[in-house]
Amino acid sequence: MTPSTREAGAAFADVVYADQQWVDAEFDALISASFSEPPAPPPPAPPRVPPHPGTPCPPSRRPAPGPAACAIPATGPDCGRQRSPPAQLPGRPGRVAGP
């Protein structure tokens, strides 16, 4: 009688996990081979409080380079003008409110 694949896998896992010291040593070896040292801590966050009176303000940010301002009248969604709803045409009924 041959064991099933599931039974064979469970038996192998039992053998491997029976020696916890070996499992720990293998894990430590894998980790040390993958990572030479822990990552550096992130830089500290800038303060979120306003500066003391008399402290000069930091220089303002320049706008990111991008498309220039619209040189033609605003007709598309890129130019910041909001479009109004369409006007009611004579002879066409308006939208009827639902229940």
PDB file of N, CA and C in Angstrom:
ATOM      1  N   MET A   1       0.849  -1.177   0.000  1.00  0.00           N
ATOM      2  CA  MET A   1       0.000   0.000   0.000  1.00  0.00           C
ATOM      3  C   MET A   1       0.892   1.237   0.000  1.00  0.00           C
ATOM      4  N   THR A   2       0.687   2.112  -0.964  1.00  0.00           N
ATOM      5  CA  THR A   2       1.494   3.324  -1.066  1.00  0.00           C
ATOM      6  C   THR A   2       0.732   4.487  -0.457  1.00  0.00           C
ATOM      7  N   PRO A   3       1.453   5.360   0.225  1.00  0.00           N
ATOM      8  CA  PRO A   3       0.771   6.519   0.825  1.00  0.00           C
ATOM      9  C   PRO A   3       0.366   7.514  -0.266  1.00  0.00           C
ATOM     10  N   SER A   4      -0.709   8.256  -0.019  1.00  0.00           N
ATOM     11  CA  SER A   4      -1.152   9.279  -0.968  1.00  0.00           C
ATOM     12  C   SER A   4      -0.196  10.466  -0.899  1.00  0.00           C
ATOM     13  N   THR A   5      -0.326  11.350  -1.843  1.00  0.00           N
ATOM     14  CA  THR A   5       0.535  12.540  -1.885  1.00  0.00           C
ATOM     15  C   THR A   5       0.329  13.388  -0.634  1.00  0.00           C
ATOM     16  N   ARG A   6      -0.913  13.514  -0.202  1.00  0.00           N
ATOM     17  CA  ARG A   6      -1.205  14.306   0.990  1.00  0.00           C
ATOM     18  C   ARG A   6      -0.561  13.668   2.224  1.00  0.00           C
ATOM     19  N   GLU A   7      -0.667  12.358   2.342  1.00  0.00           N
ATOM     20  CA  GLU A   7      -0.073  11.657   3.488  1.00  0.00           C
ATOM     21  C   GLU A   7       1.449  11.764   3.453  1.00  0.00           C
ATOM     22  N   ALA A   8       2.035  11.668   2.256  1.00  0.00           N
ATOM     23  CA  ALA A   8       3.486  11.783   2.127  1.00  0.00           C
ATOM     24  C   ALA A   8       3.944  13.189   2.505  1.00  0.00           C
ATOM     25  N   GLY A   9       3.202  14.201   2.076  1.00  0.00           N
ATOM     26  CA  GLY A   9       3.538  15.580   2.429  1.00  0.00           C
ATOM     27  C   GLY A   9       3.438  15.816   3.923  1.00  0.00           C
ATOM     28  N   ALA A  10       2.406  15.272   4.534  1.00  0.00           N
ATOM     29  CA  ALA A  10       2.238  15.433   5.976  1.00  0.00           C
ATOM     30  C   ALA A  10       3.363  14.716   6.725  1.00  0.00           C
ATOM     31  N   ALA A  11       3.749  13.536   6.247  1.00  0.00           N
ATOM     32  CA  ALA A  11       4.838  12.799   6.894  1.00  0.00           C
ATOM     33  C   ALA A  11       6.150  13.564   6.767  1.00  0.00           C
ATOM     34  N   PHE A  12       6.408  14.160   5.598  1.00  0.00           N
ATOM     35  CA  PHE A  12       7.633  14.940   5.407  1.00  0.00           C
ATOM     36  C   PHE A  12       7.636  16.157   6.335  1.00  0.00           C
ATOM     37  N   ALA A  13       6.508  16.848   6.435  1.00  0.00           N
ATOM     38  CA  ALA A  13       6.420  18.004   7.325  1.00  0.00           C
ATOM     39  C   ALA A  13       6.657  17.603   8.768  1.00  0.00           C
ATOM     40  N   ASP A  14       6.141  16.441   9.157  1.00  0.00           N
ATOM     41  CA  ASP A  14       6.374  15.964  10.523  1.00  0.00           C
ATOM     42  C   ASP A  14       7.856  15.753  10.779  1.00  0.00           C
ATOM     43  N   VAL A  15       8.578  15.201   9.802  1.00  0.00           N
ATOM     44  CA  VAL A  15      10.019  14.965   9.960  1.00  0.00           C
ATOM     45  C   VAL A  15      10.758  16.293  10.048  1.00  0.00           C
ATOM     46  N   VAL A  16      10.404  17.233   9.183  1.00  0.00           N
ATOM     47  CA  VAL A  16      11.102  18.518   9.166  1.00  0.00           C
ATOM     48  C   VAL A  16      10.856  19.277  10.461  1.00  0.00           C
ATOM     49  N   TYR A  17       9.607  19.377  10.875  1.00  0.00           N
ATOM     50  CA  TYR A  17       9.284  20.168  12.064  1.00  0.00           C
ATOM     51  C   TYR A  17       9.619  19.468  13.378  1.00  0.00           C
ATOM     52  N   ALA A  18      10.037  18.218  13.311  1.00  0.00           N
ATOM     53  CA  ALA A  18      10.391  17.484  14.534  1.00  0.00           C
ATOM     54  C   ALA A  18      11.649  18.070  15.173  1.00  0.00           C
ATOM     55  N   ASP A  19      12.516  18.668  14.359  1.00  0.00           N
ATOM     56  CA  ASP A  19      13.770  19.233  14.883  1.00  0.00           C
ATOM     57  C   ASP A  19      13.677  20.759  14.782  1.00  0.00           C
ATOM     58  N   GLN A  20      13.120  21.397  15.811  1.00  0.00           N
ATOM     59  CA  GLN A  20      12.915  22.845  15.798  1.00  0.00           C
ATOM     60  C   GLN A  20      14.231  23.598  15.718  1.00  0.00           C
ATOM     61  N   GLN A  21      15.280  23.084  16.300  1.00  0.00           N
ATOM     62  CA  GLN A  21      16.589  23.742  16.248  1.00  0.00           C
ATOM     63  C   GLN A  21      17.086  23.806  14.805  1.00  0.00           C
ATOM     64  N   TRP A  22      16.899  22.725  14.040  1.00  0.00           N
ATOM     65  CA  TRP A  22      17.319  22.717  12.633  1.00  0.00           C
ATOM     66  C   TRP A  22      16.477  23.720  11.836  1.00  0.00           C
ATOM     67  N   VAL A  23      15.142  23.769  12.094  1.00  0.00           N
ATOM     68  CA  VAL A  23      14.268  24.709  11.390  1.00  0.00           C
ATOM     69  C   VAL A  23      14.712  26.146  11.664  1.00  0.00           C
ATOM     70  N   ASP A  24      15.021  26.465  12.917  1.00  0.00           N
ATOM     71  CA  ASP A  24      15.474  27.814  13.276  1.00  0.00           C
ATOM     72  C   ASP A  24      16.798  28.154  12.590  1.00  0.00           C
ATOM     73  N   ALA A  25      17.727  27.188  12.552  1.00  0.00           N
ATOM     74  CA  ALA A  25      19.030  27.424  11.913  1.00  0.00           C
ATOM     75  C   ALA A  25      18.855  27.671  10.412  1.00  0.00           C
ATOM     76  N   GLU A  26      17.994  26.890   9.760  1.00  0.00           N
ATOM     77  CA  GLU A  26      17.753  27.090   8.329  1.00  0.00           C
ATOM     78  C   GLU A  26      17.095  28.443   8.063  1.00  0.00           C
ATOM     79  N   PHE A  27      16.142  28.812   8.902  1.00  0.00           N
ATOM     80  CA  PHE A  27      15.485  30.110   8.740  1.00  0.00           C
ATOM     81  C   PHE A  27      16.486  31.245   8.894  1.00  0.00           C
ATOM     82  N   ASP A  28      17.316  31.179   9.926  1.00  0.00           N
ATOM     83  CA  ASP A  28      18.327  32.221  10.144  1.00  0.00           C
ATOM     84  C   ASP A  28      19.303  32.299   8.976  1.00  0.00           C
ATOM     85  N   ALA A  29      19.683  31.136   8.420  1.00  0.00           N
ATOM     86  CA  ALA A  29      20.603  31.134   7.277  1.00  0.00           C
ATOM     87  C   ALA A  29      19.953  31.785   6.057  1.00  0.00           C
ATOM     88  N   LEU A  30      18.682  31.487   5.817  1.00  0.00           N
ATOM     89  CA  LEU A  30      17.990  32.097   4.683  1.00  0.00           C
ATOM     90  C   LEU A  30      17.876  33.609   4.847  1.00  0.00           C
ATOM     91  N   ILE A  31      17.519  34.045   6.022  1.00  0.00           N
ATOM     92  CA  ILE A  31      17.364  35.477   6.266  1.00  0.00           C
ATOM     93  C   ILE A  31      18.707  36.195   6.144  1.00  0.00           C
ATOM     94  N   SER A  32      19.751  35.650   6.722  1.00  0.00           N
ATOM     95  CA  SER A  32      21.053  36.326   6.661  1.00  0.00           C
ATOM     96  C   SER A  32      21.599  36.348   5.239  1.00  0.00           C
ATOM     97  N   ALA A  33      21.271  35.348   4.435  1.00  0.00           N
ATOM     98  CA  ALA A  33      21.725  35.345   3.043  1.00  0.00           C
ATOM     99  C   ALA A  33      20.947  36.353   2.204  1.00  0.00           C
ATOM    100  N   SER A  34      19.711  36.626   2.596  1.00  0.00           N
ATOM    101  CA  SER A  34      18.868  37.528   1.813  1.00  0.00           C
ATOM    102  C   SER A  34      19.048  38.986   2.202  1.00  0.00           C
ATOM    103  N   PHE A  35      19.315  39.238   3.460  1.00  0.00           N
ATOM    104  CA  PHE A  35      19.424  40.602   3.955  1.00  0.00           C
ATOM    105  C   PHE A  35      20.730  40.755   4.713  1.00  0.00           C
ATOM    106  N   SER A  36      21.562  41.692   4.259  1.00  0.00           N
ATOM    107  CA  SER A  36      22.847  41.877   4.923  1.00  0.00           C
ATOM    108  C   SER A  36      22.698  42.637   6.232  1.00  0.00           C
ATOM    109  N   GLU A  37      21.820  43.612   6.271  1.00  0.00           N
ATOM    110  CA  GLU A  37      21.584  44.376   7.496  1.00  0.00           C
ATOM    111  C   GLU A  37      20.197  44.983   7.431  1.00  0.00           C
ATOM    112  N   PRO A  38      19.642  45.355   8.561  1.00  0.00           N
ATOM    113  CA  PRO A  38      18.296  45.936   8.526  1.00  0.00           C
ATOM    114  C   PRO A  38      18.304  47.278   7.797  1.00  0.00           C
ATOM    115  N   PRO A  39      17.168  47.664   7.210  1.00  0.00           N
ATOM    116  CA  PRO A  39      17.117  48.941   6.496  1.00  0.00           C
ATOM    117  C   PRO A  39      17.286  50.115   7.454  1.00  0.00           C
ATOM    118  N   ALA A  40      17.792  51.199   6.912  1.00  0.00           N
ATOM    119  CA  ALA A  40      17.981  52.407   7.718  1.00  0.00           C
ATOM    120  C   ALA A  40      16.614  52.973   8.095  1.00  0.00           C
ATOM    121  N   PRO A  41      16.508  53.582   9.262  1.00  0.00           N
ATOM    122  CA  PRO A  41      15.219  54.166   9.642  1.00  0.00           C
ATOM    123  C   PRO A  41      14.890  55.345   8.726  1.00  0.00           C
ATOM    124  N   PRO A  42      13.613  55.625   8.531  1.00  0.00           N
ATOM    125  CA  PRO A  42      13.241  56.749   7.667  1.00  0.00           C
ATOM    126  C   PRO A  42      13.646  58.067   8.314  1.00  0.00           C
ATOM    127  N   PRO A  43      13.860  59.099   7.507  1.00  0.00           N
ATOM    128  CA  PRO A  43      14.223  60.393   8.076  1.00  0.00           C
ATOM    129  C   PRO A  43      13.058  60.945   8.900  1.00  0.00           C
ATOM    130  N   PRO A  44      13.350  61.786   9.862  1.00  0.00           N
ATOM    131  CA  PRO A  44      12.263  62.331  10.680  1.00  0.00           C
ATOM    132  C   PRO A  44      11.337  63.217   9.848  1.00  0.00           C
ATOM    133  N   ALA A  45      10.084  63.230  10.230  1.00  0.00           N
ATOM    134  CA  ALA A  45       9.104  64.047   9.524  1.00  0.00           C
ATOM    135  C   ALA A  45       9.343  65.511   9.847  1.00  0.00           C
ATOM    136  N   PRO A  46       9.060  66.406   8.900  1.00  0.00           N
ATOM    137  CA  PRO A  46       9.229  67.831   9.192  1.00  0.00           C
ATOM    138  C   PRO A  46       8.216  68.264  10.244  1.00  0.00           C
ATOM    139  N   PRO A  47       8.528  69.299  10.996  1.00  0.00           N
ATOM    140  CA  PRO A  47       7.591  69.750  12.029  1.00  0.00           C
ATOM    141  C   PRO A  47       6.304  70.254  11.399  1.00  0.00           C
ATOM    142  N   ARG A  48       5.198  70.035  12.110  1.00  0.00           N
ATOM    143  CA  ARG A  48       3.897  70.461  11.610  1.00  0.00           C
ATOM    144  C   ARG A  48       3.394  71.702  12.321  1.00  0.00           C
ATOM    145  N   VAL A  49       4.249  72.349  13.069  1.00  0.00           N
ATOM    146  CA  VAL A  49       3.854  73.564  13.775  1.00  0.00           C
ATOM    147  C   VAL A  49       4.398  74.770  13.020  1.00  0.00           C
ATOM    148  N   PRO A  50       3.737  75.918  13.127  1.00  0.00           N
ATOM    149  CA  PRO A  50       4.258  77.100  12.436  1.00  0.00           C
ATOM    150  C   PRO A  50       5.575  77.536  13.073  1.00  0.00           C
ATOM    151  N   PRO A  51       6.457  78.161  12.292  1.00  0.00           N
ATOM    152  CA  PRO A  51       7.730  78.616  12.842  1.00  0.00           C
ATOM    153  C   PRO A  51       7.526  79.751  13.852  1.00  0.00           C
ATOM    154  N   HIS A  52       8.519  79.953  14.680  1.00  0.00           N
ATOM    155  CA  HIS A  52       8.471  81.042  15.658  1.00  0.00           C
ATOM    156  C   HIS A  52       8.437  82.386  14.944  1.00  0.00           C
ATOM    157  N   PRO A  53       7.831  83.409  15.569  1.00  0.00           N
ATOM    158  CA  PRO A  53       7.824  84.736  14.948  1.00  0.00           C
ATOM    159  C   PRO A  53       9.254  85.217  14.702  1.00  0.00           C
ATOM    160  N   GLY A  54       9.436  85.839  13.579  1.00  0.00           N
ATOM    161  CA  GLY A  54      10.750  86.358  13.222  1.00  0.00           C
ATOM    162  C   GLY A  54      11.554  85.394  12.373  1.00  0.00           C
ATOM    163  N   THR A  55      11.108  84.144  12.253  1.00  0.00           N
ATOM    164  CA  THR A  55      11.809  83.170  11.419  1.00  0.00           C
ATOM    165  C   THR A  55      11.385  83.400   9.978  1.00  0.00           C
ATOM    166  N   PRO A  56      12.327  83.519   9.068  1.00  0.00           N
ATOM    167  CA  PRO A  56      11.934  83.746   7.670  1.00  0.00           C
ATOM    168  C   PRO A  56      11.183  82.528   7.115  1.00  0.00           C
ATOM    169  N   CYS A  57      10.248  82.814   6.246  1.00  0.00           N
ATOM    170  CA  CYS A  57       9.463  81.751   5.627  1.00  0.00           C
ATOM    171  C   CYS A  57      10.335  80.969   4.649  1.00  0.00           C
ATOM    172  N   PRO A  58      10.090  79.686   4.513  1.00  0.00           N
ATOM    173  CA  PRO A  58      10.849  78.918   3.522  1.00  0.00           C
ATOM    174  C   PRO A  58      10.473  79.381   2.122  1.00  0.00           C
ATOM    175  N   PRO A  59      11.362  79.204   1.170  1.00  0.00           N
ATOM    176  CA  PRO A  59      11.041  79.632  -0.195  1.00  0.00           C
ATOM    177  C   PRO A  59       9.834  78.853  -0.719  1.00  0.00           C
ATOM    178  N   SER A  60       9.018  79.555  -1.500  1.00  0.00           N
ATOM    179  CA  SER A  60       7.824  78.902  -2.037  1.00  0.00           C
ATOM    180  C   SER A  60       8.227  77.913  -3.119  1.00  0.00           C
ATOM    181  N   ARG A  61       7.376  76.922  -3.300  1.00  0.00           N
ATOM    182  CA  ARG A  61       7.645  75.934  -4.346  1.00  0.00           C
ATOM    183  C   ARG A  61       7.292  76.516  -5.698  1.00  0.00           C
ATOM    184  N   ARG A  62       8.074  76.172  -6.654  1.00  0.00           N
ATOM    185  CA  ARG A  62       7.753  76.585  -8.019  1.00  0.00           C
ATOM    186  C   ARG A  62       6.782  75.571  -8.601  1.00  0.00           C
ATOM    187  N   PRO A  63       5.865  75.997  -9.444  1.00  0.00           N
ATOM    188  CA  PRO A  63       4.937  75.036 -10.040  1.00  0.00           C
ATOM    189  C   PRO A  63       5.691  74.031 -10.895  1.00  0.00           C
ATOM    190  N   ALA A  64       5.199  72.818 -10.896  1.00  0.00           N
ATOM    191  CA  ALA A  64       5.828  71.770 -11.693  1.00  0.00           C
ATOM    192  C   ALA A  64       5.715  72.125 -13.165  1.00  0.00           C
ATOM    193  N   PRO A  65       6.752  71.812 -13.935  1.00  0.00           N
ATOM    194  CA  PRO A  65       6.659  72.110 -15.361  1.00  0.00           C
ATOM    195  C   PRO A  65       5.526  71.305 -15.977  1.00  0.00           C
ATOM    196  N   GLY A  66       4.732  71.956 -16.772  1.00  0.00           N
ATOM    197  CA  GLY A  66       3.588  71.289 -17.384  1.00  0.00           C
ATOM    198  C   GLY A  66       3.061  72.133 -18.515  1.00  0.00           C
ATOM    199  N   PRO A  67       1.856  71.827 -18.937  1.00  0.00           N
ATOM    200  CA  PRO A  67       1.304  72.616 -20.045  1.00  0.00           C
ATOM    201  C   PRO A  67       1.094  74.064 -19.618  1.00  0.00           C
ATOM    202  N   ALA A  68       1.322  74.960 -20.554  1.00  0.00           N
ATOM    203  CA  ALA A  68       1.152  76.387 -20.290  1.00  0.00           C
ATOM    204  C   ALA A  68      -0.325  76.710 -20.134  1.00  0.00           C
ATOM    205  N   ALA A  69      -0.606  77.873 -19.624  1.00  0.00           N
ATOM    206  CA  ALA A  69      -1.998  78.315 -19.469  1.00  0.00           C
ATOM    207  C   ALA A  69      -2.668  78.349 -20.833  1.00  0.00           C
ATOM    208  N   CYS A  70      -3.975  78.220 -20.837  1.00  0.00           N
ATOM    209  CA  CYS A  70      -4.728  78.202 -22.097  1.00  0.00           C
ATOM    210  C   CYS A  70      -4.607  79.561 -22.780  1.00  0.00           C
ATOM    211  N   ALA A  71      -4.260  79.526 -24.030  1.00  0.00           N
ATOM    212  CA  ALA A  71      -4.122  80.758 -24.790  1.00  0.00           C
ATOM    213  C   ALA A  71      -5.389  81.064 -25.574  1.00  0.00           C
ATOM    214  N   ILE A  72      -6.304  80.100 -25.665  1.00  0.00           N
ATOM    215  CA  ILE A  72      -7.556  80.304 -26.381  1.00  0.00           C
ATOM    216  C   ILE A  72      -8.686  80.272 -25.358  1.00  0.00           C
ATOM    217  N   PRO A  73      -9.862  80.713 -25.701  1.00  0.00           N
ATOM    218  CA  PRO A  73     -10.966  80.682 -24.738  1.00  0.00           C
ATOM    219  C   PRO A  73     -11.180  79.261 -24.213  1.00  0.00           C
ATOM    220  N   ALA A  74     -11.608  79.195 -22.992  1.00  0.00           N
ATOM    221  CA  ALA A  74     -11.795  77.908 -22.331  1.00  0.00           C
ATOM    222  C   ALA A  74     -12.917  77.133 -22.995  1.00  0.00           C
ATOM    223  N   THR A  75     -12.563  76.001 -23.602  1.00  0.00           N
ATOM    224  CA  THR A  75     -13.579  75.186 -24.263  1.00  0.00           C
ATOM    225  C   THR A  75     -13.501  73.728 -23.840  1.00  0.00           C
ATOM    226  N   GLY A  76     -12.445  73.332 -23.216  1.00  0.00           N
ATOM    227  CA  GLY A  76     -12.283  71.923 -22.859  1.00  0.00           C
ATOM    228  C   GLY A  76     -12.125  71.741 -21.374  1.00  0.00           C
ATOM    229  N   PRO A  77     -12.079  70.505 -20.934  1.00  0.00           N
ATOM    230  CA  PRO A  77     -11.975  70.238 -19.502  1.00  0.00           C
ATOM    231  C   PRO A  77     -10.620  70.614 -18.918  1.00  0.00           C
ATOM    232  N   ASP A  78      -9.610  70.852 -19.766  1.00  0.00           N
ATOM    233  CA  ASP A  78      -8.274  71.158 -19.264  1.00  0.00           C
ATOM    234  C   ASP A  78      -8.123  72.607 -18.802  1.00  0.00           C
ATOM    235  N   CYS A  79      -9.047  73.460 -19.145  1.00  0.00           N
ATOM    236  CA  CYS A  79      -8.850  74.876 -18.882  1.00  0.00           C
ATOM    237  C   CYS A  79      -9.561  75.383 -17.647  1.00  0.00           C
ATOM    238  N   GLY A  80     -10.169  74.540 -16.851  1.00  0.00           N
ATOM    239  CA  GLY A  80     -10.717  74.942 -15.579  1.00  0.00           C
ATOM    240  C   GLY A  80     -12.070  75.623 -15.612  1.00  0.00           C
ATOM    241  N   ARG A  81     -12.738  75.670 -16.729  1.00  0.00           N
ATOM    242  CA  ARG A  81     -14.054  76.302 -16.791  1.00  0.00           C
ATOM    243  C   ARG A  81     -15.113  75.224 -16.687  1.00  0.00           C
ATOM    244  N   GLN A  82     -16.086  75.430 -15.802  1.00  0.00           N
ATOM    245  CA  GLN A  82     -17.155  74.456 -15.646  1.00  0.00           C
ATOM    246  C   GLN A  82     -18.246  74.724 -16.651  1.00  0.00           C
ATOM    247  N   ARG A  83     -18.728  73.669 -17.275  1.00  0.00           N
ATOM    248  CA  ARG A  83     -19.764  73.796 -18.287  1.00  0.00           C
ATOM    249  C   ARG A  83     -21.123  73.808 -17.613  1.00  0.00           C
ATOM    250  N   SER A  84     -22.013  74.679 -18.093  1.00  0.00           N
ATOM    251  CA  SER A  84     -23.373  74.747 -17.534  1.00  0.00           C
ATOM    252  C   SER A  84     -24.247  73.681 -18.196  1.00  0.00           C
ATOM    253  N   PRO A  85     -25.386  73.360 -17.583  1.00  0.00           N
ATOM    254  CA  PRO A  85     -26.276  72.370 -18.206  1.00  0.00           C
ATOM    255  C   PRO A  85     -26.821  72.897 -19.514  1.00  0.00           C
ATOM    256  N   PRO A  86     -27.228  72.001 -20.402  1.00  0.00           N
ATOM    257  CA  PRO A  86     -27.761  72.467 -21.691  1.00  0.00           C
ATOM    258  C   PRO A  86     -29.063  73.242 -21.490  1.00  0.00           C
ATOM    259  N   ALA A  87     -29.261  74.208 -22.344  1.00  0.00           N
ATOM    260  CA  ALA A  87     -30.471  75.043 -22.263  1.00  0.00           C
ATOM    261  C   ALA A  87     -31.664  74.251 -22.769  1.00  0.00           C
ATOM    262  N   GLN A  88     -32.865  74.594 -22.259  1.00  0.00           N
ATOM    263  CA  GLN A  88     -34.096  73.973 -22.735  1.00  0.00           C
ATOM    264  C   GLN A  88     -34.396  74.497 -24.133  1.00  0.00           C
ATOM    265  N   LEU A  89     -34.621  73.597 -25.052  1.00  0.00           N
ATOM    266  CA  LEU A  89     -34.978  73.999 -26.405  1.00  0.00           C
ATOM    267  C   LEU A  89     -36.483  74.188 -26.480  1.00  0.00           C
ATOM    268  N   PRO A  90     -36.955  75.200 -27.204  1.00  0.00           N
ATOM    269  CA  PRO A  90     -38.412  75.418 -27.329  1.00  0.00           C
ATOM    270  C   PRO A  90     -39.062  74.199 -27.990  1.00  0.00           C
ATOM    271  N   GLY A  91     -40.217  73.795 -27.455  1.00  0.00           N
ATOM    272  CA  GLY A  91     -40.948  72.684 -28.044  1.00  0.00           C
ATOM    273  C   GLY A  91     -40.531  71.320 -27.522  1.00  0.00           C
ATOM    274  N   ARG A  92     -39.495  71.258 -26.696  1.00  0.00           N
ATOM    275  CA  ARG A  92     -39.062  69.971 -26.137  1.00  0.00           C
ATOM    276  C   ARG A  92     -39.387  69.972 -24.654  1.00  0.00           C
ATOM    277  N   PRO A  93     -40.076  68.964 -24.200  1.00  0.00           N
ATOM    278  CA  PRO A  93     -40.421  68.911 -22.776  1.00  0.00           C
ATOM    279  C   PRO A  93     -39.166  68.687 -21.934  1.00  0.00           C
ATOM    280  N   GLY A  94     -39.201  69.248 -20.722  1.00  0.00           N
ATOM    281  CA  GLY A  94     -38.083  69.061 -19.804  1.00  0.00           C
ATOM    282  C   GLY A  94     -38.147  67.689 -19.152  1.00  0.00           C
ATOM    283  N   ARG A  95     -37.162  67.379 -18.407  1.00  0.00           N
ATOM    284  CA  ARG A  95     -37.114  66.091 -17.717  1.00  0.00           C
ATOM    285  C   ARG A  95     -38.163  66.084 -16.599  1.00  0.00           C
ATOM    286  N   VAL A  96     -38.912  65.006 -16.498  1.00  0.00           N
ATOM    287  CA  VAL A  96     -39.935  64.874 -15.487  1.00  0.00           C
ATOM    288  C   VAL A  96     -39.314  64.229 -14.258  1.00  0.00           C
ATOM    289  N   ALA A  97     -39.608  64.793 -13.084  1.00  0.00           N
ATOM    290  CA  ALA A  97     -39.041  64.240 -11.862  1.00  0.00           C
ATOM    291  C   ALA A  97     -39.624  62.873 -11.595  1.00  0.00           C
ATOM    292  N   GLY A  98     -38.785  61.965 -11.105  1.00  0.00           N
ATOM    293  CA  GLY A  98     -39.207  60.588 -10.813  1.00  0.00           C
ATOM    294  C   GLY A  98     -39.916  60.503  -9.472  1.00  0.00           C
ATOM    295  N   PRO A  99     -40.379  59.297  -9.111  1.00  0.00           N
ATOM    296  CA  PRO A  99     -41.107  59.131  -7.849  1.00  0.00           C
ATOM    297  C   PRO A  99     -40.266  59.338  -6.648  1.00  0.00           C
TER     298      PRO A  99
END
